[in-house]
Amino acid sequence: MKYRSRTEIVGLILDAANGGGATKTRIMYKAFLSFAQLQEYLTMLQDNGLIEYEGGRRTYRTAEKGMKLLEIYEKMSELVPPLAPTTDSNRFVSIRGY
C-alpha cells in the first residue's frame, strides 16, 4: 500500500463516520487501519471536536466541525493532484501528469 498522509487518513475516517455514524470496525476497514492506529486517530479527532461518540449506539459520527474539515479536504484534493515520489528522493511529480 502507498504512503498516506495523516490528512488523508483523517479524511477517510471522517468520511466513514459521515451520515448515520459508524462502528469502530466499519471505520477501521474503510480507512485501512489497524485497531491501534484507529484508537490513536479517534482520540485525536475527539479531542479536537471533529468526531463524536454516540454511546448508546456505540458508533462514531462526524461532528459539524469535522464536516467543515471534510468539505475543505475534498475541495483541496480536487485542486491539487496527488504527488508521487520520483527516483530523486527530493522531488515529487504529479500522478496525473500535470
N, C-alpha and C. Protein backbone atom coordinates (compact mmCIF):
# COMPACT_ATOMS: atom_id res chain seq x y z
N MET A 1 0.84 -1.18 0.00
CA MET A 1 0.00 0.00 0.00
C MET A 1 0.89 1.24 0.00
N LYS A 2 0.45 2.27 -0.68
CA LYS A 2 1.22 3.51 -0.77
C LYS A 2 1.20 4.28 0.54
N TYR A 3 2.16 5.17 0.68
CA TYR A 3 2.21 6.02 1.85
C TYR A 3 1.02 6.96 1.85
N ARG A 4 0.36 7.12 3.00
CA ARG A 4 -0.75 8.06 3.12
C ARG A 4 -0.41 9.08 4.18
N SER A 5 -0.78 10.31 3.92
CA SER A 5 -0.53 11.36 4.90
C SER A 5 -1.57 11.26 6.01
N ARG A 6 -1.25 11.90 7.13
CA ARG A 6 -2.20 11.94 8.25
C ARG A 6 -3.49 12.63 7.82
N THR A 7 -3.36 13.63 6.96
CA THR A 7 -4.54 14.36 6.47
C THR A 7 -5.44 13.44 5.68
N GLU A 8 -4.85 12.60 4.84
CA GLU A 8 -5.65 11.67 4.04
C GLU A 8 -6.36 10.65 4.93
N ILE A 9 -5.67 10.16 5.95
CA ILE A 9 -6.26 9.19 6.87
C ILE A 9 -7.41 9.83 7.65
N VAL A 10 -7.21 11.06 8.12
CA VAL A 10 -8.27 11.78 8.82
C VAL A 10 -9.48 11.94 7.91
N GLY A 11 -9.24 12.29 6.64
CA GLY A 11 -10.33 12.43 5.68
C GLY A 11 -11.10 11.13 5.50
N LEU A 12 -10.40 10.01 5.44
CA LEU A 12 -11.05 8.71 5.28
C LEU A 12 -11.90 8.36 6.51
N ILE A 13 -11.38 8.67 7.70
CA ILE A 13 -12.13 8.39 8.93
C ILE A 13 -13.39 9.25 9.01
N LEU A 14 -13.24 10.55 8.73
CA LEU A 14 -14.40 11.45 8.78
C LEU A 14 -15.44 11.05 7.75
N ASP A 15 -14.99 10.62 6.59
CA ASP A 15 -15.92 10.20 5.54
C ASP A 15 -16.65 8.92 5.96
N ALA A 16 -15.93 8.00 6.59
CA ALA A 16 -16.54 6.74 7.04
C ALA A 16 -17.60 6.99 8.12
N ALA A 17 -17.37 7.97 8.98
CA ALA A 17 -18.29 8.26 10.08
C ALA A 17 -19.38 9.26 9.68
N ASN A 18 -19.35 9.71 8.45
CA ASN A 18 -20.31 10.69 7.96
C ASN A 18 -21.68 10.02 7.77
N GLY A 19 -22.73 10.76 8.00
CA GLY A 19 -24.08 10.22 7.81
C GLY A 19 -24.63 9.66 9.11
N GLY A 20 -25.03 8.42 9.09
CA GLY A 20 -25.67 7.81 10.25
C GLY A 20 -24.71 7.33 11.31
N GLY A 21 -23.42 7.51 11.11
CA GLY A 21 -22.45 7.05 12.09
C GLY A 21 -21.90 5.69 11.70
N ALA A 22 -20.81 5.30 12.35
CA ALA A 22 -20.17 4.03 12.03
C ALA A 22 -19.49 3.47 13.27
N THR A 23 -19.43 2.15 13.34
CA THR A 23 -18.74 1.48 14.43
C THR A 23 -17.23 1.55 14.19
N LYS A 24 -16.47 1.22 15.23
CA LYS A 24 -15.01 1.21 15.09
C LYS A 24 -14.58 0.26 13.98
N THR A 25 -15.22 -0.90 13.91
CA THR A 25 -14.86 -1.90 12.90
C THR A 25 -15.08 -1.36 11.49
N ARG A 26 -16.20 -0.71 11.29
CA ARG A 26 -16.50 -0.16 9.96
C ARG A 26 -15.49 0.91 9.57
N ILE A 27 -15.18 1.79 10.50
CA ILE A 27 -14.20 2.85 10.22
C ILE A 27 -12.84 2.23 9.94
N MET A 28 -12.46 1.23 10.73
CA MET A 28 -11.17 0.57 10.58
C MET A 28 -11.03 -0.01 9.17
N TYR A 29 -12.05 -0.68 8.68
CA TYR A 29 -12.00 -1.29 7.35
C TYR A 29 -12.04 -0.24 6.24
N LYS A 30 -12.85 0.79 6.39
CA LYS A 30 -12.96 1.81 5.35
C LYS A 30 -11.70 2.65 5.24
N ALA A 31 -11.00 2.85 6.36
CA ALA A 31 -9.79 3.68 6.35
C ALA A 31 -8.51 2.83 6.26
N PHE A 32 -8.64 1.51 6.23
CA PHE A 32 -7.49 0.61 6.13
C PHE A 32 -6.50 0.84 7.26
N LEU A 33 -6.99 0.76 8.51
CA LEU A 33 -6.16 1.00 9.68
C LEU A 33 -6.17 -0.21 10.60
N SER A 34 -5.11 -0.35 11.38
CA SER A 34 -5.10 -1.36 12.43
C SER A 34 -5.93 -0.79 13.60
N PHE A 35 -6.25 -1.65 14.55
CA PHE A 35 -7.04 -1.20 15.69
C PHE A 35 -6.27 -0.16 16.50
N ALA A 36 -4.96 -0.37 16.68
CA ALA A 36 -4.13 0.57 17.45
C ALA A 36 -4.09 1.93 16.76
N GLN A 37 -3.93 1.94 15.44
CA GLN A 37 -3.92 3.20 14.70
C GLN A 37 -5.27 3.90 14.82
N LEU A 38 -6.34 3.13 14.69
CA LEU A 38 -7.68 3.70 14.79
C LEU A 38 -7.89 4.36 16.14
N GLN A 39 -7.50 3.70 17.21
CA GLN A 39 -7.65 4.25 18.55
C GLN A 39 -6.94 5.60 18.67
N GLU A 40 -5.73 5.67 18.14
CA GLU A 40 -4.94 6.91 18.20
C GLU A 40 -5.65 8.04 17.44
N TYR A 41 -6.13 7.74 16.25
CA TYR A 41 -6.80 8.76 15.44
C TYR A 41 -8.13 9.18 16.06
N LEU A 42 -8.91 8.24 16.56
CA LEU A 42 -10.20 8.59 17.15
C LEU A 42 -10.02 9.47 18.37
N THR A 43 -9.02 9.19 19.18
CA THR A 43 -8.73 10.02 20.35
C THR A 43 -8.40 11.44 19.92
N MET A 44 -7.53 11.56 18.93
CA MET A 44 -7.13 12.88 18.43
C MET A 44 -8.32 13.63 17.83
N LEU A 45 -9.16 12.94 17.06
CA LEU A 45 -10.31 13.57 16.43
C LEU A 45 -11.35 14.01 17.47
N GLN A 46 -11.56 13.19 18.50
CA GLN A 46 -12.50 13.56 19.56
C GLN A 46 -11.96 14.74 20.36
N ASP A 47 -10.68 14.74 20.67
CA ASP A 47 -10.08 15.84 21.43
C ASP A 47 -10.20 17.17 20.70
N ASN A 48 -10.24 17.11 19.36
CA ASN A 48 -10.34 18.33 18.56
C ASN A 48 -11.76 18.64 18.10
N GLY A 49 -12.74 17.87 18.57
CA GLY A 49 -14.13 18.15 18.27
C GLY A 49 -14.53 17.85 16.84
N LEU A 50 -13.81 16.93 16.18
CA LEU A 50 -14.12 16.61 14.79
C LEU A 50 -15.03 15.40 14.64
N ILE A 51 -15.06 14.57 15.67
CA ILE A 51 -15.88 13.36 15.64
C ILE A 51 -16.51 13.19 17.02
N GLU A 52 -17.71 12.62 17.05
CA GLU A 52 -18.43 12.44 18.31
C GLU A 52 -18.78 10.97 18.49
N TYR A 53 -18.71 10.52 19.74
CA TYR A 53 -19.07 9.14 20.08
C TYR A 53 -20.50 9.11 20.60
N GLU A 54 -21.31 8.23 20.03
CA GLU A 54 -22.69 8.04 20.49
C GLU A 54 -22.73 6.74 21.28
N GLY A 55 -22.64 6.86 22.61
CA GLY A 55 -22.52 5.71 23.49
C GLY A 55 -23.63 4.68 23.39
N GLY A 56 -24.87 5.14 23.29
CA GLY A 56 -26.00 4.22 23.23
C GLY A 56 -25.95 3.32 22.01
N ARG A 57 -25.49 3.86 20.92
CA ARG A 57 -25.42 3.09 19.67
C ARG A 57 -24.02 2.53 19.43
N ARG A 58 -23.06 2.95 20.27
CA ARG A 58 -21.66 2.56 20.14
C ARG A 58 -21.12 2.87 18.75
N THR A 59 -21.44 4.07 18.27
CA THR A 59 -20.98 4.50 16.96
C THR A 59 -20.30 5.87 17.05
N TYR A 60 -19.57 6.19 16.01
CA TYR A 60 -18.93 7.49 15.88
C TYR A 60 -19.60 8.23 14.74
N ARG A 61 -19.74 9.55 14.93
CA ARG A 61 -20.40 10.38 13.94
C ARG A 61 -19.53 11.60 13.71
N THR A 62 -19.40 12.00 12.46
CA THR A 62 -18.63 13.20 12.13
C THR A 62 -19.38 14.41 12.66
N ALA A 63 -18.69 15.22 13.49
CA ALA A 63 -19.28 16.42 14.07
C ALA A 63 -19.35 17.53 13.02
N GLU A 64 -20.04 18.60 13.34
CA GLU A 64 -20.17 19.74 12.41
C GLU A 64 -18.80 20.28 12.01
N LYS A 65 -17.92 20.41 12.99
CA LYS A 65 -16.57 20.89 12.72
C LYS A 65 -15.84 19.92 11.78
N GLY A 66 -16.05 18.63 11.97
CA GLY A 66 -15.45 17.62 11.10
C GLY A 66 -16.01 17.67 9.69
N MET A 67 -17.31 18.00 9.57
CA MET A 67 -17.92 18.13 8.25
C MET A 67 -17.28 19.28 7.47
N LYS A 68 -17.00 20.38 8.17
CA LYS A 68 -16.35 21.52 7.52
C LYS A 68 -14.95 21.14 7.06
N LEU A 69 -14.21 20.44 7.91
CA LEU A 69 -12.87 20.00 7.54
C LEU A 69 -12.92 19.04 6.36
N LEU A 70 -13.86 18.12 6.35
CA LEU A 70 -14.01 17.16 5.26
C LEU A 70 -14.32 17.88 3.95
N GLU A 71 -15.17 18.87 4.01
CA GLU A 71 -15.51 19.66 2.82
C GLU A 71 -14.27 20.37 2.27
N ILE A 72 -13.49 20.98 3.15
CA ILE A 72 -12.27 21.67 2.74
C ILE A 72 -11.27 20.68 2.16
N TYR A 73 -11.12 19.52 2.81
CA TYR A 73 -10.20 18.50 2.34
C TYR A 73 -10.57 18.02 0.93
N GLU A 74 -11.86 17.81 0.68
CA GLU A 74 -12.31 17.35 -0.63
C GLU A 74 -12.06 18.41 -1.70
N LYS A 75 -12.29 19.67 -1.38
CA LYS A 75 -12.01 20.75 -2.34
C LYS A 75 -10.52 20.82 -2.64
N MET A 76 -9.70 20.69 -1.59
CA MET A 76 -8.26 20.74 -1.75
C MET A 76 -7.79 19.58 -2.64
N SER A 77 -8.37 18.40 -2.45
CA SER A 77 -7.99 17.23 -3.24
C SER A 77 -8.33 17.42 -4.72
N GLU A 78 -9.41 18.15 -5.00
CA GLU A 78 -9.78 18.43 -6.38
C GLU A 78 -8.82 19.41 -7.04
N LEU A 79 -8.35 20.37 -6.27
CA LEU A 79 -7.48 21.42 -6.80
C LEU A 79 -6.03 20.98 -6.97
N VAL A 80 -5.55 20.17 -6.05
CA VAL A 80 -4.15 19.76 -6.06
C VAL A 80 -4.06 18.28 -6.36
N PRO A 81 -3.44 17.91 -7.47
CA PRO A 81 -3.32 16.49 -7.78
C PRO A 81 -2.40 15.80 -6.78
N PRO A 82 -2.64 14.51 -6.50
CA PRO A 82 -1.78 13.79 -5.58
C PRO A 82 -0.36 13.70 -6.12
N LEU A 83 0.62 13.71 -5.23
CA LEU A 83 2.01 13.65 -5.62
C LEU A 83 2.58 12.27 -5.36
N ALA A 84 3.49 11.84 -6.24
CA ALA A 84 4.16 10.55 -6.08
C ALA A 84 5.66 10.79 -6.12
N PRO A 85 6.42 10.10 -5.28
CA PRO A 85 7.87 10.29 -5.29
C PRO A 85 8.49 9.79 -6.59
N THR A 86 9.54 10.48 -7.03
CA THR A 86 10.30 10.06 -8.21
C THR A 86 11.51 9.29 -7.73
N THR A 87 12.39 8.93 -8.63
CA THR A 87 13.62 8.26 -8.24
C THR A 87 14.53 9.20 -7.47
N ASP A 88 14.41 10.51 -7.74
CA ASP A 88 15.15 11.51 -6.98
C ASP A 88 14.35 11.78 -5.70
N SER A 89 14.90 11.43 -4.54
CA SER A 89 14.14 11.50 -3.30
C SER A 89 13.74 12.92 -2.89
N ASN A 90 14.31 13.94 -3.53
CA ASN A 90 13.99 15.32 -3.18
C ASN A 90 12.91 15.92 -4.07
N ARG A 91 12.42 15.16 -5.04
CA ARG A 91 11.42 15.70 -5.98
C ARG A 91 10.17 14.85 -5.96
N PHE A 92 9.07 15.50 -6.26
CA PHE A 92 7.81 14.81 -6.40
C PHE A 92 7.21 15.20 -7.73
N VAL A 93 6.46 14.27 -8.33
CA VAL A 93 5.77 14.56 -9.58
C VAL A 93 4.30 14.24 -9.40
N SER A 94 3.49 14.87 -10.23
CA SER A 94 2.07 14.63 -10.18
C SER A 94 1.74 13.28 -10.77
N ILE A 95 0.83 12.54 -10.13
CA ILE A 95 0.40 11.26 -10.66
C ILE A 95 -0.40 11.48 -11.94
N ARG A 96 -1.15 12.56 -12.01
CA ARG A 96 -1.99 12.84 -13.17
C ARG A 96 -1.18 13.37 -14.34
N GLY A 97 0.07 13.70 -14.14
CA GLY A 97 0.92 14.17 -15.23
C GLY A 97 0.83 15.65 -15.50
N TYR A 98 0.36 16.45 -14.56
CA TYR A 98 0.26 17.89 -14.75
C TYR A 98 1.61 18.54 -14.59
